[in-house]
Amino acid sequence: MKNLETVIAAIHYIETHLSVEKIDLDIVAAAAHYSKYHLHRLFTATVGLTIHDYAQRRQLTEAAKLLVFSDQSILDIAILAGYDSQQAFSSVFKAMYKQSPLQFRKNEVFYPLQLEYNFKDQRESLEKARQNAARAVRFAKAADIPGWLDLVRLAIDGFPHLEEAEHVTVLKRYIAGNGALLMTEGDLCIGAMMINYETGSIDFLAVHPLYRKQGVSRDFLNVAFSELLQNKAISITTFREGDKADTGYRKALKELGFAEAELLTEFGYPTQRMILPKEEEDSND
């Protein structure tokens, strides 16, 4: 757990300095009393993002919140987010949110690009999970909703425009129809999936950041093919190629064997449908 404690310390520093100063590897490493070379490797290997990317995404999320819920000028918000000019801020914001800051403010709809990786509150559950390595995939129940939402908040980077209250409403419907599945390790929720049996579409697939290199998505797909779907291809939507907001979701799906299908626009956000044929999954077994 020592490595995780170092990452937690780095995240804590970033979170407490989001609107105070420009955040970079040198500053965070000095605050964590750790070599910047080793901290960069440790942080990236642990959470799948560099310190720069995590800090940038968090600052842009807080900036987006201010655009919707405050009257501060865009220039003031840009400076709080660590940018020297409104133009530089607007360029990065539009690349991530697909809207200019002004458009985002006018639309009055906030959604987070990245929420805090709050591993500190999960420390005890993570320790228990390591002691009890048995994993299980099961249908989710109403009592699982709080743990499911904890996972959603950690994986929000993969779901543009996800609104939590609306997600809970949809989740309850999937739970009622046995279309919501959880993977747990001990009492920790490490994966979640919503699947539509009629269409074969995965409407939600999230993996805990600390478990993304441990085959959780593959385990869900195996369950979907072997137990839930009857000779149907699996489809899912994700970021389009080249989307700067994508933290690796598209690449992960292609590594699982998904192929590109039609381009879509969902909730005003450009996405792409990906398909995994039944026979392709069988050939990978």
Protein backbone atom coordinates (compact mmCIF):
# COMPACT_ATOMS: atom_id res chain seq x y z
CA MET A 1 0.00 0.00 0.00
CA LYS A 2 3.05 2.29 0.24
CA ASN A 3 2.88 3.19 -3.45
CA LEU A 4 -0.82 3.95 -3.16
CA GLU A 5 -0.16 6.19 -0.16
CA THR A 6 2.27 8.21 -2.28
CA VAL A 7 -0.32 8.57 -5.04
CA ILE A 8 -2.96 9.58 -2.47
CA ALA A 9 -0.59 12.26 -1.15
CA ALA A 10 0.00 13.58 -4.68
CA ILE A 11 -3.74 13.66 -5.41
CA HIS A 12 -4.40 15.44 -2.11
CA TYR A 13 -1.89 18.15 -3.01
CA ILE A 14 -3.42 18.61 -6.46
CA GLU A 15 -6.96 18.76 -5.08
CA THR A 16 -6.07 21.37 -2.47
CA HIS A 17 -4.28 23.59 -5.00
CA LEU A 18 -6.63 23.48 -7.99
CA SER A 19 -7.33 27.21 -7.88
CA VAL A 20 -4.19 28.44 -6.20
CA GLU A 21 -1.37 27.96 -8.63
CA LYS A 22 -0.21 26.25 -11.78
CA ILE A 23 0.32 22.59 -11.02
CA ASP A 24 3.14 20.59 -12.56
CA LEU A 25 5.21 17.50 -11.79
CA ASP A 26 8.06 19.44 -10.15
CA ILE A 27 5.71 21.14 -7.68
CA VAL A 28 3.78 17.99 -6.79
CA ALA A 29 6.94 15.90 -6.41
CA ALA A 30 8.46 18.48 -4.06
CA ALA A 31 5.26 18.56 -1.99
CA ALA A 32 5.15 14.75 -1.81
CA HIS A 33 8.90 14.59 -1.00
CA TYR A 34 9.43 12.20 -3.89
CA SER A 35 11.67 12.15 -6.93
CA LYS A 36 9.77 13.57 -9.90
CA TYR A 37 11.02 10.76 -12.16
CA HIS A 38 9.73 8.03 -9.85
CA LEU A 39 6.54 9.91 -8.99
CA HIS A 40 5.72 10.30 -12.68
CA ARG A 41 6.15 6.57 -13.27
CA LEU A 42 4.30 5.58 -10.11
CA PHE A 43 1.36 7.94 -10.62
CA THR A 44 0.91 7.04 -14.29
CA ALA A 45 1.19 3.29 -13.66
CA THR A 46 -1.26 3.44 -10.76
CA VAL A 47 -4.08 5.62 -12.14
CA GLY A 48 -3.46 5.56 -15.89
CA LEU A 49 -3.04 9.34 -16.17
CA THR A 50 -0.01 11.56 -15.85
CA ILE A 51 -0.02 14.17 -13.10
CA HIS A 52 -0.30 16.85 -15.79
CA ASP A 53 -3.33 15.23 -17.40
CA TYR A 54 -5.08 14.56 -14.08
CA ALA A 55 -4.49 18.11 -12.83
CA GLN A 56 -5.55 19.65 -16.15
CA ARG A 57 -8.77 17.63 -16.30
CA ARG A 58 -9.61 18.46 -12.69
CA GLN A 59 -8.96 22.18 -13.20
CA LEU A 60 -11.07 22.20 -16.36
CA THR A 61 -13.89 20.47 -14.48
CA GLU A 62 -13.82 23.09 -11.75
CA ALA A 63 -13.68 25.80 -14.43
CA ALA A 64 -16.74 24.29 -16.14
CA LYS A 65 -18.56 24.36 -12.80
CA LEU A 66 -17.75 28.06 -12.38
CA LEU A 67 -18.92 28.81 -15.91
CA VAL A 68 -22.35 27.41 -15.11
CA PHE A 69 -22.79 28.27 -11.46
CA SER A 70 -20.97 31.60 -11.06
CA ASP A 71 -20.87 35.05 -12.62
CA GLN A 72 -17.07 35.24 -12.76
CA SER A 73 -15.63 36.36 -16.06
CA ILE A 74 -14.15 33.77 -18.39
CA LEU A 75 -10.75 35.44 -18.02
CA ASP A 76 -10.88 35.15 -14.22
CA ILE A 77 -11.92 31.51 -14.52
CA ALA A 78 -9.09 30.88 -16.98
CA ILE A 79 -6.55 32.28 -14.52
CA LEU A 80 -7.98 30.19 -11.67
CA ALA A 81 -7.59 27.13 -13.92
CA GLY A 82 -3.88 27.86 -14.37
CA TYR A 83 -3.92 29.57 -17.78
CA ASP A 84 -2.13 32.78 -18.66
CA SER A 85 -4.75 33.92 -21.16
CA GLN A 86 -8.40 33.44 -22.02
CA GLN A 87 -7.38 32.29 -25.50
CA ALA A 88 -5.18 29.47 -24.18
CA PHE A 89 -7.89 28.36 -21.77
CA SER A 90 -10.59 28.44 -24.45
CA SER A 91 -8.51 26.34 -26.82
CA VAL A 92 -7.96 23.55 -24.28
CA PHE A 93 -11.52 23.76 -22.93
CA LYS A 94 -13.04 23.36 -26.39
CA ALA A 95 -10.78 20.39 -27.18
CA MET A 96 -12.04 18.62 -24.07
CA TYR A 97 -15.67 19.74 -23.82
CA LYS A 98 -16.41 20.20 -27.55
CA GLN A 99 -17.83 23.66 -26.76
CA SER A 100 -16.24 27.02 -26.16
CA PRO A 101 -16.40 28.32 -22.57
CA LEU A 102 -18.99 30.89 -23.70
CA GLN A 103 -21.17 28.21 -25.32
CA PHE A 104 -20.86 26.02 -22.24
CA ARG A 105 -21.96 28.91 -20.03
CA LYS A 106 -24.94 29.69 -22.27
CA ASN A 107 -26.08 26.06 -22.29
CA GLU A 108 -26.17 26.07 -18.47
CA VAL A 109 -25.54 22.30 -18.26
CA PHE A 110 -22.58 21.24 -16.15
CA TYR A 111 -20.95 17.83 -16.38
CA PRO A 112 -17.57 16.81 -15.00
CA LEU A 113 -14.62 15.93 -17.18
CA GLN A 114 -12.85 14.37 -14.20
CA LEU A 115 -13.77 13.92 -10.55
CA GLU A 116 -11.31 13.39 -7.73
CA TYR A 117 -9.70 9.98 -7.53
CA ASN A 118 -10.77 9.54 -3.94
CA PHE A 119 -8.73 6.47 -2.99
CA LYS A 120 -8.22 7.77 0.55
CA ASP A 121 -11.78 6.91 1.58
CA GLN A 122 -11.41 3.50 -0.10
CA ARG A 123 -8.15 2.61 1.63
CA GLU A 124 -9.75 0.10 3.99
CA SER A 125 -11.77 -1.55 1.22
CA LEU A 126 -8.71 -1.75 -1.03
CA GLU A 127 -6.72 -3.41 1.75
CA LYS A 128 -9.48 -5.96 2.36
CA ALA A 129 -9.70 -6.61 -1.37
CA ARG A 130 -6.02 -7.44 -1.48
CA GLN A 131 -6.40 -9.84 1.42
CA ASN A 132 -9.40 -11.53 -0.18
CA ALA A 133 -8.60 -11.81 -3.89
CA ALA A 134 -11.77 -13.75 -4.80
CA ARG A 135 -13.76 -11.91 -7.46
CA ALA A 136 -17.37 -12.37 -8.37
CA VAL A 137 -19.63 -11.13 -11.18
CA ARG A 138 -23.25 -10.95 -10.10
CA PHE A 139 -26.46 -9.11 -10.79
CA ALA A 140 -26.65 -5.77 -9.01
CA LYS A 141 -29.31 -5.11 -6.38
CA ALA A 142 -30.81 -1.89 -5.07
CA ALA A 143 -28.53 -2.12 -2.04
CA ASP A 144 -25.51 -1.93 -4.39
CA ILE A 145 -26.39 1.52 -5.75
CA PRO A 146 -24.14 3.51 -3.33
CA GLY A 147 -21.11 1.35 -4.20
CA TRP A 148 -22.00 1.53 -7.90
CA LEU A 149 -22.06 5.34 -7.71
CA ASP A 150 -18.68 5.39 -5.96
CA LEU A 151 -17.31 3.57 -8.99
CA VAL A 152 -19.13 5.88 -11.41
CA ARG A 153 -17.45 8.90 -9.82
CA LEU A 154 -14.03 7.28 -10.25
CA ALA A 155 -14.72 6.37 -13.89
CA ILE A 156 -16.59 9.52 -14.94
CA ASP A 157 -13.80 10.37 -17.40
CA GLY A 158 -15.23 7.79 -19.79
CA PHE A 159 -18.78 9.10 -19.87
CA PRO A 160 -19.33 12.63 -21.22
CA HIS A 161 -22.60 14.20 -20.11
CA LEU A 162 -23.32 11.58 -17.43
CA GLU A 163 -25.75 13.11 -14.95
CA GLU A 164 -25.82 11.17 -11.69
CA ALA A 165 -29.52 11.43 -10.81
CA GLU A 166 -30.55 10.39 -14.32
CA HIS A 167 -28.03 7.54 -14.21
CA VAL A 168 -29.58 6.22 -10.99
CA THR A 169 -33.02 6.24 -12.59
CA VAL A 170 -31.72 4.21 -15.54
CA LEU A 171 -29.73 1.92 -13.23
CA LYS A 172 -32.84 1.02 -11.23
CA ARG A 173 -34.56 -0.01 -14.44
CA TYR A 174 -31.63 -2.22 -15.43
CA ILE A 175 -31.48 -3.74 -11.95
CA ALA A 176 -35.17 -4.64 -12.20
CA GLY A 177 -34.54 -6.39 -15.52
CA ASN A 178 -31.32 -8.17 -14.44
CA GLY A 179 -29.39 -6.04 -16.89
CA ALA A 180 -26.99 -4.49 -14.34
CA LEU A 181 -23.95 -6.50 -13.31
CA LEU A 182 -21.28 -5.85 -10.72
CA MET A 183 -17.83 -7.27 -10.21
CA THR A 184 -16.68 -7.13 -6.62
CA GLU A 185 -13.49 -8.02 -4.81
CA GLY A 186 -14.22 -8.29 -1.13
CA ASP A 187 -16.63 -5.42 -0.46
CA LEU A 188 -15.09 -3.21 -3.16
CA CYS A 189 -16.93 -2.62 -6.44
CA ILE A 190 -14.26 -2.89 -9.15
CA GLY A 191 -16.46 -3.12 -12.25
CA ALA A 192 -20.00 -2.41 -13.42
CA MET A 193 -21.91 -3.11 -16.60
CA MET A 194 -25.39 -2.38 -17.98
CA ILE A 195 -26.40 -4.60 -20.88
CA ASN A 196 -29.41 -4.52 -23.19
CA TYR A 197 -30.36 -8.11 -24.02
CA GLU A 198 -32.53 -7.20 -27.00
CA THR A 199 -29.91 -5.20 -28.86
CA GLY A 200 -26.74 -6.71 -27.44
CA SER A 201 -25.49 -3.25 -26.55
CA ILE A 202 -23.44 -2.46 -23.49
CA ASP A 203 -24.94 0.81 -22.30
CA PHE A 204 -22.45 1.30 -19.47
CA LEU A 205 -19.11 -0.33 -18.66
CA ALA A 206 -16.90 1.06 -15.92
CA VAL A 207 -13.78 -0.30 -14.26
CA HIS A 208 -12.10 1.00 -11.11
CA PRO A 209 -8.95 2.95 -12.16
CA LEU A 210 -6.72 0.72 -10.03
CA TYR A 211 -8.05 -2.41 -11.79
CA ARG A 212 -8.04 -1.34 -15.44
CA LYS A 213 -5.06 -3.53 -16.33
CA GLN A 214 -6.43 -6.65 -14.65
CA GLY A 215 -8.79 -8.02 -17.29
CA VAL A 216 -12.04 -6.84 -15.71
CA SER A 217 -13.59 -5.72 -19.01
CA ARG A 218 -12.67 -9.05 -20.61
CA ASP A 219 -14.33 -10.92 -17.73
CA PHE A 220 -17.54 -8.96 -18.26
CA LEU A 221 -17.50 -9.69 -21.99
CA ASN A 222 -16.99 -13.40 -21.33
CA VAL A 223 -20.01 -13.42 -19.03
CA ALA A 224 -22.06 -11.48 -21.58
CA PHE A 225 -21.28 -13.92 -24.39
CA SER A 226 -21.40 -17.18 -22.47
CA GLU A 227 -24.35 -16.55 -20.15
CA LEU A 228 -26.44 -13.56 -21.20
CA LEU A 229 -26.59 -13.12 -24.96
CA GLN A 230 -27.86 -15.55 -27.57
CA ASN A 231 -25.56 -15.37 -30.61
CA LYS A 232 -25.49 -11.60 -30.73
CA ALA A 233 -22.63 -9.26 -31.41
CA ILE A 234 -21.84 -6.81 -28.64
CA SER A 235 -21.86 -3.09 -29.34
CA ILE A 236 -20.74 -0.12 -27.29
CA THR A 237 -20.17 3.58 -27.96
CA THR A 238 -17.01 5.44 -27.08
CA PHE A 239 -14.90 8.45 -28.02
CA ARG A 240 -14.09 9.14 -31.64
CA GLU A 241 -10.54 8.72 -32.86
CA GLY A 242 -8.32 11.65 -31.85
CA ASP A 243 -10.62 12.99 -29.13
CA LYS A 244 -8.31 14.66 -26.62
CA ALA A 245 -10.79 13.96 -23.83
CA ASP A 246 -10.30 10.20 -24.23
CA THR A 247 -8.10 8.83 -21.46
CA GLY A 248 -7.66 5.45 -23.18
CA TYR A 249 -11.17 4.00 -23.49
CA ARG A 250 -11.11 3.70 -27.27
CA LYS A 251 -7.72 1.99 -27.28
CA ALA A 252 -8.82 -0.46 -24.59
CA LEU A 253 -11.91 -1.46 -26.59
CA LYS A 254 -9.86 -2.03 -29.74
CA GLU A 255 -7.45 -4.19 -27.75
CA LEU A 256 -10.47 -6.26 -26.69
CA GLY A 257 -11.32 -6.82 -30.36
CA PHE A 258 -13.97 -4.17 -30.97
CA ALA A 259 -14.13 -2.80 -34.51
CA GLU A 260 -15.20 0.67 -35.60
CA ALA A 261 -18.77 1.19 -36.77
CA GLU A 262 -20.84 4.29 -37.47
CA LEU A 263 -20.13 7.75 -36.11
CA LEU A 264 -22.77 9.07 -33.72
CA THR A 265 -23.63 12.19 -31.77
CA GLU A 266 -25.03 11.56 -28.30
CA PHE A 267 -26.26 14.41 -26.10
CA GLY A 268 -24.48 16.74 -28.49
CA TYR A 269 -21.16 14.87 -28.03
CA PRO A 270 -19.36 13.18 -30.97
CA THR A 271 -18.97 9.43 -30.37
CA GLN A 272 -18.52 6.24 -32.35
CA ARG A 273 -20.20 2.85 -32.13
CA MET A 274 -17.88 -0.15 -31.78
CA ILE A 275 -18.83 -3.78 -32.44
CA LEU A 276 -17.41 -7.06 -31.16
CA PRO A 277 -18.73 -9.98 -33.24
CA LYS A 278 -19.57 -13.25 -31.52
CA GLU A 279 -17.17 -15.28 -33.65
CA GLU A 280 -14.30 -12.90 -32.87
CA GLU A 281 -14.77 -13.40 -29.16
CA ASP A 282 -14.83 -17.18 -29.67
CA SER A 283 -11.51 -17.03 -31.54
CA ASN A 284 -9.88 -15.23 -28.61
CA ASP A 285 -10.81 -17.90 -26.06
